[in-house]
Amino acid sequence: MDVQRAKEIYQFEGTIPVHLEGDSVWIENVDEANGMATVTVGNNPVNTKTVSVDQLMESKE
């Protein structure tokens, strides 16, 4: 996904499924300048990662 789409999903009031390497994630923050996103993996609030937005996949479910 690109930075703009990651930002749109982050700001969206509803839920849009996003995956990282097959795991469901929640986008917590988008760093537009660096093309990075901080995500929470699954429902575990302590399992956060900062990854390139290129690694995120929007699910069409």
PDB file of N, CA and C in Angstrom:
ATOM      1  N   MET A   1       0.855  -1.163   0.000  1.00  0.00           N
ATOM      2  CA  MET A   1       0.000   0.000   0.000  1.00  0.00           C
ATOM      3  C   MET A   1       0.899   1.223   0.000  1.00  0.00           C
ATOM      4  N   ASP A   2       0.351   2.359  -0.399  1.00  0.00           N
ATOM      5  CA  ASP A   2       1.147   3.572  -0.387  1.00  0.00           C
ATOM      6  C   ASP A   2       0.821   4.410   0.856  1.00  0.00           C
ATOM      7  N   VAL A   3       1.626   5.428   1.091  1.00  0.00           N
ATOM      8  CA  VAL A   3       1.490   6.253   2.294  1.00  0.00           C
ATOM      9  C   VAL A   3       0.123   6.929   2.354  1.00  0.00           C
ATOM     10  N   GLN A   4      -0.360   7.429   1.239  1.00  0.00           N
ATOM     11  CA  GLN A   4      -1.651   8.119   1.233  1.00  0.00           C
ATOM     12  C   GLN A   4      -2.782   7.187   1.654  1.00  0.00           C
ATOM     13  N   ARG A   5      -2.776   5.961   1.142  1.00  0.00           N
ATOM     14  CA  ARG A   5      -3.837   5.005   1.506  1.00  0.00           C
ATOM     15  C   ARG A   5      -3.724   4.619   2.975  1.00  0.00           C
ATOM     16  N   ALA A   6      -2.514   4.433   3.474  1.00  0.00           N
ATOM     17  CA  ALA A   6      -2.327   4.109   4.890  1.00  0.00           C
ATOM     18  C   ALA A   6      -2.890   5.235   5.755  1.00  0.00           C
ATOM     19  N   LYS A   7      -2.649   6.472   5.347  1.00  0.00           N
ATOM     20  CA  LYS A   7      -3.169   7.616   6.097  1.00  0.00           C
ATOM     21  C   LYS A   7      -4.696   7.652   6.051  1.00  0.00           C
ATOM     22  N   GLU A   8      -5.277   7.374   4.882  1.00  0.00           N
ATOM     23  CA  GLU A   8      -6.740   7.346   4.763  1.00  0.00           C
ATOM     24  C   GLU A   8      -7.341   6.288   5.691  1.00  0.00           C
ATOM     25  N   ILE A   9      -6.733   5.102   5.718  1.00  0.00           N
ATOM     26  CA  ILE A   9      -7.240   4.032   6.582  1.00  0.00           C
ATOM     27  C   ILE A   9      -7.106   4.434   8.043  1.00  0.00           C
ATOM     28  N   TYR A  10      -5.980   5.023   8.411  1.00  0.00           N
ATOM     29  CA  TYR A  10      -5.756   5.464   9.783  1.00  0.00           C
ATOM     30  C   TYR A  10      -6.822   6.480  10.213  1.00  0.00           C
ATOM     31  N   GLN A  11      -7.180   7.396   9.323  1.00  0.00           N
ATOM     32  CA  GLN A  11      -8.136   8.454   9.661  1.00  0.00           C
ATOM     33  C   GLN A  11      -9.589   8.035   9.508  1.00  0.00           C
ATOM     34  N   PHE A  12      -9.849   6.916   8.866  1.00  0.00           N
ATOM     35  CA  PHE A  12     -11.202   6.444   8.621  1.00  0.00           C
ATOM     36  C   PHE A  12     -11.880   6.087   9.936  1.00  0.00           C
ATOM     37  N   GLU A  13     -13.137   6.442  10.083  1.00  0.00           N
ATOM     38  CA  GLU A  13     -13.855   6.214  11.338  1.00  0.00           C
ATOM     39  C   GLU A  13     -14.312   4.772  11.508  1.00  0.00           C
ATOM     40  N   GLY A  14     -14.410   4.041  10.419  1.00  0.00           N
ATOM     41  CA  GLY A  14     -14.830   2.648  10.488  1.00  0.00           C
ATOM     42  C   GLY A  14     -13.629   1.716  10.564  1.00  0.00           C
ATOM     43  N   THR A  15     -13.872   0.472  10.202  1.00  0.00           N
ATOM     44  CA  THR A  15     -12.817  -0.534  10.232  1.00  0.00           C
ATOM     45  C   THR A  15     -12.523  -1.015   8.822  1.00  0.00           C
ATOM     46  N   ILE A  16     -11.263  -0.951   8.440  1.00  0.00           N
ATOM     47  CA  ILE A  16     -10.808  -1.471   7.157  1.00  0.00           C
ATOM     48  C   ILE A  16      -9.736  -2.517   7.475  1.00  0.00           C
ATOM     49  N   PRO A  17      -9.942  -3.775   7.072  1.00  0.00           N
ATOM     50  CA  PRO A  17      -8.973  -4.819   7.390  1.00  0.00           C
ATOM     51  C   PRO A  17      -7.627  -4.583   6.705  1.00  0.00           C
ATOM     52  N   VAL A  18      -6.558  -4.647   7.508  1.00  0.00           N
ATOM     53  CA  VAL A  18      -5.194  -4.503   7.007  1.00  0.00           C
ATOM     54  C   VAL A  18      -4.369  -5.656   7.564  1.00  0.00           C
ATOM     55  N   HIS A  19      -3.462  -6.188   6.734  1.00  0.00           N
ATOM     56  CA  HIS A  19      -2.616  -7.299   7.151  1.00  0.00           C
ATOM     57  C   HIS A  19      -1.142  -6.992   6.942  1.00  0.00           C
ATOM     58  N   LEU A  20      -0.330  -7.557   7.808  1.00  0.00           N
ATOM     59  CA  LEU A  20       1.121  -7.504   7.713  1.00  0.00           C
ATOM     60  C   LEU A  20       1.612  -8.936   7.805  1.00  0.00           C
ATOM     61  N   GLU A  21       2.172  -9.428   6.722  1.00  0.00           N
ATOM     62  CA  GLU A  21       2.698 -10.802   6.691  1.00  0.00           C
ATOM     63  C   GLU A  21       1.658 -11.819   7.166  1.00  0.00           C
ATOM     64  N   GLY A  22       0.410 -11.620   6.760  1.00  0.00           N
ATOM     65  CA  GLY A  22      -0.661 -12.553   7.087  1.00  0.00           C
ATOM     66  C   GLY A  22      -1.369 -12.299   8.407  1.00  0.00           C
ATOM     67  N   ASP A  23      -0.835 -11.403   9.243  1.00  0.00           N
ATOM     68  CA  ASP A  23      -1.461 -11.086  10.530  1.00  0.00           C
ATOM     69  C   ASP A  23      -2.311  -9.819  10.405  1.00  0.00           C
ATOM     70  N   SER A  24      -3.456  -9.820  11.078  1.00  0.00           N
ATOM     71  CA  SER A  24      -4.283  -8.616  11.122  1.00  0.00           C
ATOM     72  C   SER A  24      -3.582  -7.557  11.959  1.00  0.00           C
ATOM     73  N   VAL A  25      -3.616  -6.314  11.487  1.00  0.00           N
ATOM     74  CA  VAL A  25      -3.001  -5.221  12.235  1.00  0.00           C
ATOM     75  C   VAL A  25      -3.917  -4.006  12.252  1.00  0.00           C
ATOM     76  N   TRP A  26      -3.694  -3.149  13.247  1.00  0.00           N
ATOM     77  CA  TRP A  26      -4.357  -1.847  13.348  1.00  0.00           C
ATOM     78  C   TRP A  26      -3.289  -0.807  13.120  1.00  0.00           C
ATOM     79  N   ILE A  27      -3.547   0.160  12.244  1.00  0.00           N
ATOM     80  CA  ILE A  27      -2.601   1.245  12.019  1.00  0.00           C
ATOM     81  C   ILE A  27      -2.760   2.256  13.148  1.00  0.00           C
ATOM     82  N   GLU A  28      -1.686   2.486  13.887  1.00  0.00           N
ATOM     83  CA  GLU A  28      -1.701   3.411  15.027  1.00  0.00           C
ATOM     84  C   GLU A  28      -1.167   4.786  14.655  1.00  0.00           C
ATOM     85  N   ASN A  29      -0.285   4.839  13.654  1.00  0.00           N
ATOM     86  CA  ASN A  29       0.324   6.102  13.256  1.00  0.00           C
ATOM     87  C   ASN A  29       0.923   5.937  11.869  1.00  0.00           C
ATOM     88  N   VAL A  30       0.945   7.026  11.090  1.00  0.00           N
ATOM     89  CA  VAL A  30       1.569   7.010   9.775  1.00  0.00           C
ATOM     90  C   VAL A  30       2.586   8.147   9.717  1.00  0.00           C
ATOM     91  N   ASP A  31       3.831   7.798   9.410  1.00  0.00           N
ATOM     92  CA  ASP A  31       4.908   8.770   9.240  1.00  0.00           C
ATOM     93  C   ASP A  31       5.068   8.992   7.741  1.00  0.00           C
ATOM     94  N   GLU A  32       4.379  10.023   7.237  1.00  0.00           N
ATOM     95  CA  GLU A  32       4.374  10.280   5.798  1.00  0.00           C
ATOM     96  C   GLU A  32       5.759  10.573   5.247  1.00  0.00           C
ATOM     97  N   ALA A  33       6.553  11.331   5.980  1.00  0.00           N
ATOM     98  CA  ALA A  33       7.871  11.747   5.496  1.00  0.00           C
ATOM     99  C   ALA A  33       8.796  10.562   5.243  1.00  0.00           C
ATOM    100  N   ASN A  34       8.658   9.524   6.048  1.00  0.00           N
ATOM    101  CA  ASN A  34       9.544   8.361   5.931  1.00  0.00           C
ATOM    102  C   ASN A  34       8.871   7.134   5.329  1.00  0.00           C
ATOM    103  N   GLY A  35       7.568   7.226   5.037  1.00  0.00           N
ATOM    104  CA  GLY A  35       6.859   6.090   4.453  1.00  0.00           C
ATOM    105  C   GLY A  35       6.716   4.918   5.409  1.00  0.00           C
ATOM    106  N   MET A  36       6.591   5.218   6.697  1.00  0.00           N
ATOM    107  CA  MET A  36       6.509   4.188   7.724  1.00  0.00           C
ATOM    108  C   MET A  36       5.162   4.263   8.454  1.00  0.00           C
ATOM    109  N   ALA A  37       4.779   3.143   9.042  1.00  0.00           N
ATOM    110  CA  ALA A  37       3.561   3.090   9.850  1.00  0.00           C
ATOM    111  C   ALA A  37       3.842   2.298  11.118  1.00  0.00           C
ATOM    112  N   THR A  38       3.257   2.750  12.217  1.00  0.00           N
ATOM    113  CA  THR A  38       3.300   1.989  13.460  1.00  0.00           C
ATOM    114  C   THR A  38       1.991   1.226  13.532  1.00  0.00           C
ATOM    115  N   VAL A  39       2.087  -0.080  13.733  1.00  0.00           N
ATOM    116  CA  VAL A  39       0.901  -0.931  13.763  1.00  0.00           C
ATOM    117  C   VAL A  39       0.888  -1.783  15.023  1.00  0.00           C
ATOM    118  N   THR A  40      -0.323  -2.138  15.450  1.00  0.00           N
ATOM    119  CA  THR A  40      -0.512  -3.102  16.526  1.00  0.00           C
ATOM    120  C   THR A  40      -0.925  -4.406  15.874  1.00  0.00           C
ATOM    121  N   VAL A  41      -0.222  -5.478  16.218  1.00  0.00           N
ATOM    122  CA  VAL A  41      -0.499  -6.786  15.630  1.00  0.00           C
ATOM    123  C   VAL A  41      -1.581  -7.484  16.442  1.00  0.00           C
ATOM    124  N   GLY A  42      -2.655  -7.903  15.765  1.00  0.00           N
ATOM    125  CA  GLY A  42      -3.759  -8.590  16.436  1.00  0.00           C
ATOM    126  C   GLY A  42      -4.421  -7.688  17.459  1.00  0.00           C
ATOM    127  N   ASN A  43      -4.808  -8.281  18.577  1.00  0.00           N
ATOM    128  CA  ASN A  43      -5.474  -7.528  19.643  1.00  0.00           C
ATOM    129  C   ASN A  43      -4.555  -7.273  20.823  1.00  0.00           C
ATOM    130  N   ASN A  44      -3.243  -7.459  20.626  1.00  0.00           N
ATOM    131  CA  ASN A  44      -2.294  -7.314  21.716  1.00  0.00           C
ATOM    132  C   ASN A  44      -1.666  -5.923  21.679  1.00  0.00           C
ATOM    133  N   PRO A  45      -2.070  -5.011  22.574  1.00  0.00           N
ATOM    134  CA  PRO A  45      -1.583  -3.630  22.516  1.00  0.00           C
ATOM    135  C   PRO A  45      -0.078  -3.481  22.756  1.00  0.00           C
ATOM    136  N   VAL A  46       0.570  -4.481  23.304  1.00  0.00           N
ATOM    137  CA  VAL A  46       2.020  -4.386  23.513  1.00  0.00           C
ATOM    138  C   VAL A  46       2.803  -4.920  22.321  1.00  0.00           C
ATOM    139  N   ASN A  47       2.121  -5.519  21.356  1.00  0.00           N
ATOM    140  CA  ASN A  47       2.783  -6.062  20.171  1.00  0.00           C
ATOM    141  C   ASN A  47       2.688  -5.046  19.037  1.00  0.00           C
ATOM    142  N   THR A  48       3.548  -4.019  19.098  1.00  0.00           N
ATOM    143  CA  THR A  48       3.562  -2.994  18.066  1.00  0.00           C
ATOM    144  C   THR A  48       4.835  -3.094  17.254  1.00  0.00           C
ATOM    145  N   LYS A  49       4.730  -2.686  16.005  1.00  0.00           N
ATOM    146  CA  LYS A  49       5.875  -2.685  15.096  1.00  0.00           C
ATOM    147  C   LYS A  49       5.818  -1.413  14.266  1.00  0.00           C
ATOM    148  N   THR A  50       6.981  -0.943  13.868  1.00  0.00           N
ATOM    149  CA  THR A  50       7.066   0.144  12.909  1.00  0.00           C
ATOM    150  C   THR A  50       7.611  -0.466  11.623  1.00  0.00           C
ATOM    151  N   VAL A  51       6.823  -0.352  10.564  1.00  0.00           N
ATOM    152  CA  VAL A  51       7.164  -1.007   9.298  1.00  0.00           C
ATOM    153  C   VAL A  51       6.958  -0.047   8.130  1.00  0.00           C
ATOM    154  N   SER A  52       7.545  -0.385   7.008  1.00  0.00           N
ATOM    155  CA  SER A  52       7.299   0.371   5.788  1.00  0.00           C
ATOM    156  C   SER A  52       5.853   0.138   5.359  1.00  0.00           C
ATOM    157  N   VAL A  53       5.177   1.193   4.904  1.00  0.00           N
ATOM    158  CA  VAL A  53       3.798   1.022   4.465  1.00  0.00           C
ATOM    159  C   VAL A  53       3.708   0.060   3.280  1.00  0.00           C
ATOM    160  N   ASP A  54       4.808  -0.123   2.563  1.00  0.00           N
ATOM    161  CA  ASP A  54       4.838  -1.070   1.437  1.00  0.00           C
ATOM    162  C   ASP A  54       4.541  -2.498   1.884  1.00  0.00           C
ATOM    163  N   GLN A  55       4.794  -2.793   3.157  1.00  0.00           N
ATOM    164  CA  GLN A  55       4.559  -4.142   3.676  1.00  0.00           C
ATOM    165  C   GLN A  55       3.103  -4.399   4.055  1.00  0.00           C
ATOM    166  N   LEU A  56       2.308  -3.338   4.137  1.00  0.00           N
ATOM    167  CA  LEU A  56       0.909  -3.473   4.559  1.00  0.00           C
ATOM    168  C   LEU A  56       0.037  -3.804   3.360  1.00  0.00           C
ATOM    169  N   MET A  57      -0.919  -4.688   3.590  1.00  0.00           N
ATOM    170  CA  MET A  57      -1.858  -5.099   2.546  1.00  0.00           C
ATOM    171  C   MET A  57      -3.279  -4.858   3.030  1.00  0.00           C
ATOM    172  N   GLU A  58      -4.043  -4.131   2.237  1.00  0.00           N
ATOM    173  CA  GLU A  58      -5.452  -3.913   2.557  1.00  0.00           C
ATOM    174  C   GLU A  58      -6.236  -5.138   2.113  1.00  0.00           C
ATOM    175  N   SER A  59      -7.036  -5.658   3.019  1.00  0.00           N
ATOM    176  CA  SER A  59      -7.859  -6.822   2.707  1.00  0.00           C
ATOM    177  C   SER A  59      -9.158  -6.350   2.088  1.00  0.00           C
ATOM    178  N   LYS A  60      -9.613  -7.039   1.069  1.00  0.00           N
ATOM    179  CA  LYS A  60     -10.856  -6.664   0.373  1.00  0.00           C
ATOM    180  C   LYS A  60     -12.047  -7.476   0.887  1.00  0.00           C
ATOM    181  N   GLU A  61     -12.019  -7.835   2.164  1.00  0.00           N
ATOM    182  CA  GLU A  61     -13.090  -8.644   2.763  1.00  0.00           C
ATOM    183  C   GLU A  61     -14.349  -7.851   2.930  1.00  0.00           C
TER     184      GLU A  61
END
